[in-house]
Protein backbone atom coordinates (compact mmCIF):
# COMPACT_ATOMS: atom_id res chain seq x y z
CA MET A 1 85.99 117.09 105.64
CA LEU A 2 89.02 119.15 106.64
CA PRO A 3 88.73 122.48 108.41
CA VAL A 4 89.16 125.55 106.21
CA GLY A 5 92.82 126.31 105.56
CA ILE A 6 94.08 122.76 106.10
CA ALA A 7 95.30 121.05 102.94
CA ARG A 8 95.01 117.35 102.33
CA ILE A 9 98.25 115.38 102.32
CA ARG A 10 99.45 114.64 98.76
CA VAL A 11 101.10 111.28 98.18
CA VAL A 12 102.63 109.21 95.41
CA LEU A 13 101.89 105.49 95.47
CA TYR A 14 105.03 103.54 94.58
CA ALA A 15 105.34 99.80 94.01
CA CYS A 16 107.85 97.47 92.47
CA GLN A 17 106.89 94.14 90.97
CA PRO A 18 108.56 91.58 88.73
CA MET A 19 107.71 91.59 85.04
CA HIS A 20 104.90 89.25 84.02
CA SER A 21 103.30 89.43 87.47
CA ASN A 22 99.52 89.61 87.69
CA ALA A 23 99.64 91.16 91.15
CA GLN A 24 97.79 94.37 91.91
CA PRO A 25 100.51 96.07 94.00
CA LEU A 26 98.82 99.46 94.17
CA ALA A 27 95.47 98.26 95.53
CA PRO A 28 96.55 98.01 99.21
CA LEU A 29 98.51 101.25 98.93
CA ARG A 30 95.46 103.03 97.49
CA THR A 31 93.28 101.64 100.30
CA PHE A 32 95.81 102.85 102.90
CA ALA A 33 95.96 106.37 101.43
CA GLU A 34 92.21 106.68 100.89
CA ALA A 35 91.50 105.57 104.47
CA ARG A 36 93.50 108.59 105.61
CA ASP A 37 91.81 110.94 103.15
CA TRP A 38 95.13 111.61 101.41
CA THR A 39 95.21 112.91 97.84
CA ILE A 40 96.93 110.51 95.45
CA VAL A 41 98.86 112.60 92.92
CA ALA A 42 100.53 109.71 91.08
CA GLU A 43 100.77 105.94 90.96
CA LEU A 44 104.11 104.46 89.91
CA ILE A 45 104.92 100.79 89.34
CA ASP A 46 108.51 99.84 88.59
CA MET A 47 108.54 96.58 86.64
CA ALA A 48 111.66 95.07 88.21
CA PRO A 49 112.48 92.33 90.71
CA HIS A 50 112.40 93.48 94.34
CA GLU A 51 116.11 92.75 94.60
CA VAL A 52 116.93 95.60 92.19
CA PRO A 53 118.18 98.50 94.34
CA LEU A 54 115.97 101.59 94.34
CA THR A 55 118.81 103.60 92.79
CA GLU A 56 118.68 101.35 89.72
CA ARG A 57 114.92 101.27 89.17
CA PRO A 58 113.60 103.02 86.05
CA LEU A 59 110.94 105.17 87.79
CA ARG A 60 113.19 106.44 90.59
CA PRO A 61 113.94 109.71 88.73
CA ARG A 62 110.19 110.36 88.35
CA LEU A 63 109.64 109.64 92.05
CA ILE A 64 112.47 112.03 93.00
CA GLU A 65 110.98 114.64 90.66
CA PHE A 66 107.67 114.53 92.57
CA ILE A 67 109.55 114.98 95.85
CA ASP A 68 111.99 117.67 94.73
CA SER A 69 109.33 119.75 92.98
CA GLY A 70 107.06 119.75 96.02
CA GLN A 71 104.26 117.99 94.12
CA THR A 72 103.98 115.40 96.90
CA ASP A 73 104.16 115.42 100.68
CA GLY A 74 105.05 111.74 100.91
CA VAL A 75 105.41 108.34 99.31
CA VAL A 76 103.27 105.33 100.16
CA THR A 77 104.95 102.02 99.45
CA SER A 78 104.61 98.44 100.65
CA ALA A 79 106.15 96.88 103.74
CA TRP A 80 108.68 94.80 101.82
CA SER A 81 110.68 97.94 101.00
CA SER A 82 113.93 98.11 102.94
CA THR A 83 113.80 100.69 105.69
CA GLU A 84 117.53 101.25 105.18
CA GLU A 85 117.13 102.15 101.50
CA LYS A 86 117.18 105.87 100.85
CA ILE A 87 114.87 107.47 98.31
CA ARG A 88 116.86 110.67 98.37
CA ARG A 89 120.11 111.01 96.46
């Protein structure tokens, strides 16, 4: 339980997986966020190969919308994501 006046961190879970995959890419992200008592405000899965740049993925505009509107404090994604890739425009 958080002290009075301290808000929980709001996050969007974001994963990318190839079409026709049976993987559960959000499960480890959900576990990570829940272990930190973060509030999950959205779960987004882009159905595209990992090689597709973030700027070309279909759900990128929705992810940016969450960030720009202040609806989220952060994005939780998996380790395979390039650290050099920028989410921001």
